[in-house]
Protein backbone atom coordinates (compact mmCIF):
# COMPACT_ATOMS: atom_id res chain seq x y z
CA UNK A 1 33.02 14.75 14.63
CA UNK A 2 31.10 11.74 15.70
CA UNK A 3 27.86 12.43 17.47
CA UNK A 4 28.11 9.69 20.09
CA UNK A 5 27.29 10.86 23.60
CA UNK A 6 29.17 9.21 26.44
CA UNK A 7 27.34 7.39 29.18
CA UNK A 8 29.07 6.50 32.41
CA UNK A 9 29.61 2.77 32.76
CA UNK A 10 29.14 0.67 35.84
CA UNK A 11 31.88 1.17 38.40
CA UNK A 12 33.08 -0.55 41.48
CA UNK A 13 35.32 0.53 44.28
CA UNK A 14 35.26 2.08 47.72
CA UNK A 15 33.11 5.02 48.65
CA UNK A 16 34.45 8.55 48.60
CA UNK A 17 34.91 10.72 51.62
CA UNK A 18 34.76 14.47 51.97
CA UNK A 19 37.79 16.60 52.59
CA UNK A 20 41.12 16.98 50.80
CA UNK A 21 43.63 14.16 50.82
CA UNK A 22 47.34 14.99 51.13
CA UNK A 23 48.82 15.88 47.75
CA UNK A 24 45.54 17.12 46.28
CA UNK A 25 45.31 20.75 45.24
CA UNK A 26 41.71 22.01 45.26
CA UNK A 27 40.92 24.28 42.33
CA UNK A 28 37.95 26.64 42.21
CA UNK A 29 34.95 24.95 40.65
CA UNK A 30 31.28 25.53 40.02
CA UNK A 31 29.19 25.95 43.14
CA UNK A 32 26.10 24.26 41.78
CA UNK A 33 25.27 20.94 43.45
CA UNK A 34 26.31 17.99 41.30
CA UNK A 35 23.59 15.94 39.70
CA UNK A 36 23.46 12.41 38.48
CA UNK A 37 26.07 11.00 36.16
CA UNK A 38 25.02 11.74 32.57
CA UNK A 39 23.25 9.01 30.65
CA UNK A 40 22.19 10.91 27.57
CA UNK A 41 19.52 9.45 25.33
CA UNK A 42 17.35 12.15 23.73
CA UNK A 43 14.54 11.43 21.30
CA UNK A 44 14.30 13.64 18.23
CA UNK A 45 11.32 14.63 16.12
CA UNK A 46 10.72 13.28 12.63
CA UNK A 47 9.81 16.65 11.13
CA UNK A 48 12.13 18.54 8.81
CA UNK A 49 14.99 16.06 8.40
CA UNK A 50 18.42 17.62 8.08
CA UNK A 51 21.49 16.02 6.60
CA UNK A 52 24.81 16.35 8.39
CA UNK A 53 27.69 16.51 5.95
CA UNK A 54 31.08 15.12 6.87
CA UNK A 55 32.18 12.95 9.74
CA UNK A 56 34.19 15.56 11.54
CA UNK A 57 32.88 19.08 10.88
CA UNK A 58 34.92 22.02 12.09
CA UNK A 59 33.62 23.66 15.24
CA UNK A 60 32.43 27.20 14.69
CA UNK A 61 31.69 29.44 17.65
CA UNK A 62 29.18 31.51 15.71
CA UNK A 63 27.42 28.97 13.48
CA UNK A 64 26.19 25.85 15.23
CA UNK A 65 26.12 22.43 13.60
CA UNK A 66 22.82 21.22 12.21
CA UNK A 67 20.85 18.58 14.04
CA UNK A 68 19.09 15.55 12.61
CA UNK A 69 15.33 15.32 13.20
CA UNK A 70 15.25 11.52 13.13
CA UNK A 71 15.03 8.93 15.86
CA UNK A 72 18.18 6.99 15.01
CA UNK A 73 20.89 9.55 15.90
CA UNK A 74 19.31 10.53 19.22
CA UNK A 75 22.52 11.17 21.16
CA UNK A 76 23.92 13.23 18.25
CA UNK A 77 21.14 15.76 18.76
CA UNK A 78 21.65 15.75 22.53
CA UNK A 79 25.36 16.39 21.98
CA UNK A 80 24.57 19.40 19.79
CA UNK A 81 22.33 20.86 22.46
CA UNK A 82 24.83 20.15 25.24
CA UNK A 83 27.64 21.81 23.32
CA UNK A 84 25.59 24.97 22.82
CA UNK A 85 24.72 24.99 26.51
CA UNK A 86 28.41 24.61 27.31
CA UNK A 87 29.50 27.50 25.10
CA UNK A 88 26.67 29.72 26.38
CA UNK A 89 28.18 29.63 29.86
CA UNK A 90 26.37 30.99 32.90
CA UNK A 91 24.23 33.38 30.86
CA UNK A 92 22.51 30.40 29.25
CA UNK A 93 20.50 29.98 26.07
CA UNK A 94 16.76 29.66 25.33
CA UNK A 95 15.01 26.71 23.70
CA UNK A 96 14.11 28.89 20.72
CA UNK A 97 17.78 29.80 20.21
CA UNK A 98 18.73 26.13 20.50
CA UNK A 99 16.21 25.26 17.79
CA UNK A 100 17.45 28.05 15.52
CA UNK A 101 21.12 27.14 15.90
CA UNK A 102 20.71 23.37 15.52
CA UNK A 103 17.94 23.43 12.85
CA UNK A 104 15.99 21.06 15.08
CA UNK A 105 12.27 21.55 15.54
CA UNK A 106 11.11 23.24 18.76
CA UNK A 107 9.39 19.96 19.66
CA UNK A 108 12.66 18.03 19.31
CA UNK A 109 14.52 20.61 21.42
CA UNK A 110 11.84 20.43 24.13
CA UNK A 111 12.14 16.64 24.29
CA UNK A 112 15.94 16.76 24.43
CA UNK A 113 16.13 19.49 27.08
CA UNK A 114 13.49 17.72 29.20
CA UNK A 115 15.60 14.56 29.18
CA UNK A 116 18.81 16.47 29.92
CA UNK A 117 17.13 18.29 32.79
CA UNK A 118 15.89 15.00 34.21
CA UNK A 119 19.49 13.74 34.07
CA UNK A 120 20.61 16.79 36.05
CA UNK A 121 22.70 18.15 33.18
CA UNK A 122 20.90 21.45 32.75
CA UNK A 123 18.95 23.92 34.87
CA UNK A 124 16.99 27.11 34.37
CA UNK A 125 19.04 30.30 34.42
CA UNK A 126 16.18 32.80 34.59
CA UNK A 127 14.04 34.42 31.94
CA UNK A 128 14.83 36.68 29.02
CA UNK A 129 12.56 39.41 27.70
CA UNK A 130 10.84 38.47 24.47
CA UNK A 131 10.08 40.71 21.50
CA UNK A 132 6.60 39.20 21.46
CA UNK A 133 4.74 36.77 23.69
CA UNK A 134 5.82 35.53 27.09
CA UNK A 135 9.43 35.81 28.30
CA UNK A 136 11.74 33.00 27.24
CA UNK A 137 13.14 30.58 29.80
CA UNK A 138 16.92 30.45 29.65
CA UNK A 139 18.74 27.17 30.24
CA UNK A 140 22.33 26.56 31.29
CA UNK A 141 24.64 23.59 31.70
CA UNK A 142 25.24 22.34 35.25
CA UNK A 143 29.05 21.93 35.28
CA UNK A 144 29.09 19.77 38.40
CA UNK A 145 26.68 17.21 36.96
CA UNK A 146 29.60 15.21 35.60
CA UNK A 147 33.37 14.98 35.95
CA UNK A 148 36.30 13.36 34.18
CA UNK A 149 39.78 12.47 35.37
CA UNK A 150 42.72 13.43 33.18
CA UNK A 151 45.91 11.47 33.89
CA UNK A 152 49.29 12.35 32.38
CA UNK A 153 51.91 9.61 32.79
CA UNK A 154 55.20 11.22 31.84
CA UNK A 155 58.51 9.42 31.97
CA UNK A 156 59.31 10.81 35.43
CA UNK A 157 56.14 12.45 36.75
CA UNK A 158 52.41 11.85 37.13
CA UNK A 159 49.81 14.61 36.95
CA UNK A 160 46.13 13.93 37.62
CA UNK A 161 43.31 16.46 37.30
CA UNK A 162 39.59 16.28 37.95
CA UNK A 163 37.56 18.40 35.52
CA UNK A 164 33.89 19.31 35.49
CA UNK A 165 31.73 19.25 32.34
CA UNK A 166 33.10 22.61 31.16
CA UNK A 167 36.67 21.33 31.41
CA UNK A 168 37.41 23.49 34.45
CA UNK A 169 39.87 21.87 36.86
CA UNK A 170 38.45 21.33 40.34
CA UNK A 171 41.29 19.25 41.83
CA UNK A 172 44.92 18.43 40.97
CA UNK A 173 47.37 15.82 42.19
CA UNK A 174 51.04 15.31 41.29
CA UNK A 175 53.50 12.56 42.15
CA UNK A 176 56.92 11.31 40.99
CA UNK A 177 56.86 8.43 38.52
CA UNK A 178 59.43 6.13 36.94
CA UNK A 179 58.07 4.75 33.67
CA UNK A 180 61.00 2.33 33.63
CA UNK A 181 59.89 0.50 36.79
CA UNK A 182 57.62 -1.71 34.73
CA UNK A 183 53.97 -1.86 33.83
CA UNK A 184 52.64 -3.41 37.03
CA UNK A 185 54.37 -0.88 39.28
CA UNK A 186 53.28 2.09 37.15
CA UNK A 187 49.66 0.89 37.00
CA UNK A 188 49.65 0.54 40.78
CA UNK A 189 50.98 4.08 41.27
CA UNK A 190 48.53 5.50 38.74
CA UNK A 191 45.53 3.72 40.30
CA UNK A 192 46.54 4.82 43.79
CA UNK A 193 46.90 8.45 42.74
CA UNK A 194 43.57 8.51 40.88
CA UNK A 195 41.82 6.98 43.89
CA UNK A 196 43.43 9.58 46.15
CA UNK A 197 42.36 12.37 43.78
CA UNK A 198 38.74 11.19 43.84
CA UNK A 199 38.74 10.68 47.59
CA UNK A 200 40.12 14.15 48.17
CA UNK A 201 37.51 15.64 45.86
CA UNK A 202 34.61 13.78 47.48
CA UNK A 203 32.93 16.99 48.59
CA UNK A 204 32.96 18.21 44.98
CA UNK A 205 31.71 14.96 43.47
CA UNK A 206 28.86 14.34 45.88
CA UNK A 207 26.51 11.41 45.40
CA UNK A 208 25.61 10.43 41.89
CA UNK A 209 24.16 7.41 40.15
CA UNK A 210 27.46 5.54 39.80
CA UNK A 211 28.25 3.60 42.98
CA UNK A 212 31.41 4.75 44.71
CA UNK A 213 32.48 7.50 42.35
CA UNK A 214 29.59 9.95 42.16
CA UNK A 215 29.49 11.71 38.82
CA UNK A 216 32.81 10.49 37.34
CA UNK A 217 32.54 9.57 33.65
CA UNK A 218 35.91 7.85 33.53
CA UNK A 219 39.65 8.38 33.20
CA UNK A 220 41.51 9.72 30.18
CA UNK A 221 45.16 8.65 30.19
CA UNK A 222 47.92 10.42 28.24
CA UNK A 223 51.24 8.59 27.81
CA UNK A 224 54.25 8.82 25.51
CA UNK A 225 53.75 7.06 22.17
CA UNK A 226 53.68 5.19 19.96
CA UNK A 227 50.52 3.34 20.94
CA UNK A 228 47.26 1.89 19.67
CA UNK A 229 44.57 4.37 20.70
CA UNK A 230 41.67 2.12 19.69
CA UNK A 231 42.78 -0.84 21.82
CA UNK A 232 44.49 1.22 24.52
CA UNK A 233 47.72 -0.73 24.04
CA UNK A 234 51.24 0.70 24.15
CA UNK A 235 53.92 -0.02 21.56
CA UNK A 236 57.67 0.45 21.86
CA UNK A 237 57.83 3.72 23.81
CA UNK A 238 61.19 5.31 23.03
CA UNK A 239 63.58 4.33 25.80
CA UNK A 240 61.10 1.88 27.35
CA UNK A 241 60.75 -1.10 24.97
CA UNK A 242 59.41 -3.27 27.79
CA UNK A 243 56.03 -1.51 27.43
CA UNK A 244 55.53 -2.94 23.93
CA UNK A 245 52.15 -4.69 23.75
CA UNK A 246 51.00 -3.77 27.27
CA UNK A 247 47.17 -3.31 27.49
CA UNK A 248 47.25 -0.17 29.64
CA UNK A 249 43.58 0.69 29.14
CA UNK A 250 42.30 -2.70 30.29
CA UNK A 251 44.77 -2.90 33.17
CA UNK A 252 43.78 0.49 34.58
CA UNK A 253 40.06 -0.04 33.96
CA UNK A 254 40.21 -3.32 35.85
CA UNK A 255 42.12 -1.74 38.71
CA UNK A 256 39.88 1.35 39.00
CA UNK A 257 36.49 0.00 38.00
CA UNK A 258 36.02 2.99 35.69
CA UNK A 259 35.92 3.47 31.91
CA UNK A 260 39.43 4.32 30.63
CA UNK A 261 40.57 5.87 27.34
CA UNK A 262 44.28 5.96 26.42
CA UNK A 263 45.97 8.28 23.94
CA UNK A 264 49.36 9.79 23.24
CA UNK A 265 50.29 12.75 25.42
CA UNK A 266 50.60 15.04 22.39
CA UNK A 267 47.20 13.99 21.01
CA UNK A 268 45.59 14.60 24.38
CA UNK A 269 47.13 18.05 24.61
CA UNK A 270 45.99 18.87 21.06
CA UNK A 271 42.46 17.69 21.90
CA UNK A 272 42.38 19.97 24.92
CA UNK A 273 43.61 22.91 22.84
CA UNK A 274 41.02 22.24 20.15
CA UNK A 275 38.28 22.21 22.79
CA UNK A 276 39.48 25.56 24.11
CA UNK A 277 40.46 28.82 22.46
CA UNK A 278 43.41 27.60 20.39
CA UNK A 279 41.13 26.40 17.60
CA UNK A 280 39.36 29.32 15.93
CA UNK A 281 38.40 28.67 12.31
CA UNK A 282 37.19 32.26 11.97
CA UNK A 283 40.78 33.39 12.61
CA UNK A 284 42.22 30.85 10.18
CA UNK A 285 43.37 28.42 12.86
CA UNK A 286 41.33 25.39 11.81
CA UNK A 287 44.49 23.25 11.60
CA UNK A 288 47.48 23.38 13.91
CA UNK A 289 50.40 21.38 15.25
CA UNK A 290 51.15 21.11 18.95
CA UNK A 291 54.87 20.39 19.50
CA UNK A 292 55.71 19.05 22.95
CA UNK A 293 59.31 19.20 24.18
CA UNK A 294 59.98 17.75 27.60
CA UNK A 295 61.61 14.43 28.39
CA UNK A 296 60.89 13.56 24.74
CA UNK A 297 59.62 15.28 21.61
CA UNK A 298 56.34 14.66 19.85
CA UNK A 299 53.47 16.35 18.03
CA UNK A 300 49.71 16.43 18.18
CA UNK A 301 48.02 17.33 14.88
CA UNK A 302 44.62 18.97 14.49
CA UNK A 303 43.49 18.94 10.86
CA UNK A 304 40.20 20.54 9.87
CA UNK A 305 39.14 20.81 13.50
CA UNK A 306 39.77 17.17 14.48
CA UNK A 307 42.75 15.40 16.04
CA UNK A 308 44.52 13.43 13.33
CA UNK A 309 45.62 10.04 14.66
CA UNK A 310 46.04 8.20 11.36
CA UNK A 311 44.64 4.87 10.17
CA UNK A 312 46.66 2.96 12.77
CA UNK A 313 46.55 5.80 15.37
CA UNK A 314 50.29 6.27 14.91
CA UNK A 315 50.40 9.83 13.52
CA UNK A 316 52.39 12.50 15.32
CA UNK A 317 55.73 10.71 15.80
CA UNK A 318 57.27 14.07 14.98
CA UNK A 319 60.43 13.57 16.98
CA UNK A 320 61.63 10.69 14.84
CA UNK A 321 61.89 12.39 11.48
CA UNK A 322 65.51 12.15 10.33
CA UNK A 323 67.16 15.45 9.47
CA UNK A 324 70.83 14.36 9.69
CA UNK A 325 71.67 11.04 8.04
CA UNK A 326 74.96 10.56 9.88
CA UNK A 327 73.73 12.09 13.11
CA UNK A 328 73.84 10.64 16.63
CA UNK A 329 72.01 7.41 17.42
CA UNK A 330 68.46 7.98 18.65
CA UNK A 331 66.61 5.83 21.18
CA UNK A 332 64.29 4.72 18.37
CA UNK A 333 67.25 3.02 16.63
CA UNK A 334 67.62 5.54 13.81
CA UNK A 335 70.22 8.30 13.47
CA UNK A 336 69.89 12.06 13.32
CA UNK A 337 66.27 12.32 14.48
CA UNK A 338 64.90 15.70 15.48
CA UNK A 339 64.41 14.40 19.02
CA UNK A 340 67.97 13.23 19.66
CA UNK A 341 69.42 16.42 18.15
CA UNK A 342 67.05 18.68 20.03
CA UNK A 343 67.45 16.92 23.40
CA UNK A 344 71.21 16.83 22.89
CA UNK A 345 71.30 20.61 22.45
CA UNK A 346 69.13 21.04 25.53
CA UNK A 347 71.47 18.82 27.56
CA UNK A 348 74.40 21.01 26.43
CA UNK A 349 72.54 24.16 27.48
CA UNK A 350 72.45 25.34 23.84
CA UNK A 351 68.82 26.47 23.83
CA UNK A 352 69.05 28.59 20.64
CA UNK A 353 70.38 25.54 18.78
CA UNK A 354 67.61 23.37 20.24
CA UNK A 355 65.09 25.94 19.03
CA UNK A 356 66.64 25.98 15.56
CA UNK A 357 66.47 22.17 15.32
CA UNK A 358 62.87 22.23 16.48
CA UNK A 359 62.18 24.92 13.89
CA UNK A 360 63.58 22.73 11.10
CA UNK A 361 61.21 19.94 12.12
CA UNK A 362 58.31 22.39 12.37
CA UNK A 363 59.09 23.78 8.90
CA UNK A 364 58.98 20.26 7.46
CA UNK A 365 55.57 19.80 9.07
CA UNK A 366 54.28 23.11 7.73
CA UNK A 367 55.48 22.23 4.24
CA UNK A 368 53.89 18.79 4.39
CA UNK A 369 50.50 19.68 5.89
CA UNK A 370 50.08 23.43 5.23
CA UNK A 371 48.86 24.00 8.79
CA UNK A 372 47.75 27.39 10.09
CA UNK A 373 49.49 27.56 13.46
CA UNK A 374 52.33 26.03 15.50
CA UNK A 375 51.85 25.78 19.27
CA UNK A 376 54.74 24.91 21.59
CA UNK A 377 54.48 23.19 24.97
CA UNK A 378 56.26 20.97 27.46
CA UNK A 379 58.52 21.68 30.42
CA UNK A 380 61.56 22.62 28.32
CA UNK A 381 59.55 25.14 26.33
CA UNK A 382 58.02 26.52 29.54
CA UNK A 383 61.50 27.20 30.93
CA UNK A 384 62.68 29.03 27.78
CA UNK A 385 59.53 30.33 26.08
CA UNK A 386 60.99 33.40 24.37
CA UNK A 387 64.02 31.51 23.03
CA UNK A 388 61.92 28.77 21.44
CA UNK A 389 59.21 31.02 20.03
CA UNK A 390 61.86 33.26 18.49
CA UNK A 391 64.02 30.38 17.21
CA UNK A 392 61.22 28.30 15.70
CA UNK A 393 59.60 31.45 14.31
CA UNK A 394 62.83 32.50 12.60
CA UNK A 395 63.05 29.20 10.70
CA UNK A 396 59.42 29.47 9.57
CA UNK A 397 59.93 33.10 8.53
CA UNK A 398 62.91 32.12 6.39
CA UNK A 399 60.89 29.37 4.76
CA UNK A 400 58.05 31.81 4.03
CA UNK A 401 60.50 34.25 2.41
CA UNK A 402 61.95 31.55 0.18
CA UNK A 403 58.50 30.48 -0.94
CA UNK A 404 57.24 34.03 -1.44
CA UNK A 405 54.45 33.60 1.12
CA UNK A 406 52.76 36.75 2.38
CA UNK A 407 53.13 35.84 6.05
CA UNK A 408 54.83 32.97 7.90
CA UNK A 409 52.87 30.46 9.94
CA UNK A 410 52.61 31.97 13.45
CA UNK A 411 54.30 30.34 16.44
CA UNK A 412 52.92 30.66 19.97
CA UNK A 413 53.26 29.02 23.36
CA UNK A 414 50.27 26.76 23.99
CA UNK A 415 47.97 27.78 26.84
CA UNK A 416 47.46 25.38 29.71
CA UNK A 417 50.94 25.29 31.23
CA UNK A 418 52.28 22.27 33.08
CA UNK A 419 48.94 20.51 33.36
CA UNK A 420 47.83 21.06 29.77
CA UNK A 421 48.37 17.41 28.80
CA UNK A 422 46.38 16.14 31.80
CA UNK A 423 43.53 18.56 31.05
CA UNK A 424 43.53 17.36 27.44
CA UNK A 425 43.37 13.77 28.69
CA UNK A 426 40.13 14.60 30.51
CA UNK A 427 38.71 15.74 27.17
CA UNK A 428 39.02 12.13 25.96
CA UNK A 429 35.94 11.53 28.14
CA UNK A 430 34.30 14.96 27.96
CA UNK A 431 34.66 15.59 24.22
CA UNK A 432 32.29 12.85 23.01
CA UNK A 433 29.61 14.05 25.43
CA UNK A 434 29.49 17.30 23.43
CA UNK A 435 29.97 15.72 20.02
CA UNK A 436 33.63 16.74 19.85
CA UNK A 437 35.56 13.66 18.78
CA UNK A 438 35.24 9.99 19.58
CA UNK A 439 37.49 9.85 22.62
């Protein structure tokens, strides 16, 4: 994981009003008053330098990552502390515990927590009895101190969520969408819906340091691939070749006046799952594949605790692996792809066959990457959960028997439901704040 903390950029736009706009579903959120938008820059202490090994270490809920007691990677240390505050929840964590779990000096932790408190990101959560000396002050994250928008642009529907720093959804908005109407029309709809979401959630956002948008860090956008994640540019989306080369990130950022990050819908969903309970290295789930079956078919891959996008950010085009050389023509131009066979079976109402085809693709993925877990999601899966879990599982069980494996790779329905992709898109902004990925 990279240790870069996110700071909210300058924003423009109209002010927000209180109340709930039509189409916005208010979700329960944290009742603490929101603070200023995070601008994290914590200064470390030079004592006891520690070396961080690896660029993307696996998250471990019991053993925290080690900090670096040097001045250069200041936001890395702040991210470590913030992540521990996040996982501690409402019960909080003391400065001494933070020092022990990060390997930072108590002086470094004091400097970091003082800066985070000044930014409104943390608050005292009471005192804890000490085994010796005075009681320890317990600190906790202030969830409402920052928010991120997660936007899922599907081929026929838009879902937008507003999440606090813990990833909890505080507002939701949905609207019909036609990805085939063209880039300008889709950008206009997306910008209008995000603005309506923020306006309707004005009472939650409050007044922060970013003019017009309170504590909003930015917008994470999840769209069908393939695309260039680094530049935020779409390629030839299957069925919508007119999107090839469109700079979606820059277009939306210019329209909204907010930082924007764009990624594939399956990658966003996988990122959200990795930030939640789906990723548990202690249970042997350090690597998994998220298979999304809805209006299309794709995969998000988490390898060693990090989303795998590939050198050109094109990994995860799962639906376009050919499994029948003389099969039907696919929208990508090839024949016999998993996607065209699977969607064809769904269109015919043959759900067991669709599950078997999906299982064949999943088995290829398991054989290629030796992943620990297969998670299924998307609207088609949601409508036929038992059929797909059983069908995909049967193919993986047969593969395990042939190979003499002790147990097959487990298959489960991904948590998160219909808004899982949108929630994962919000993690494109929230993750880097806690040292979990580079957005």
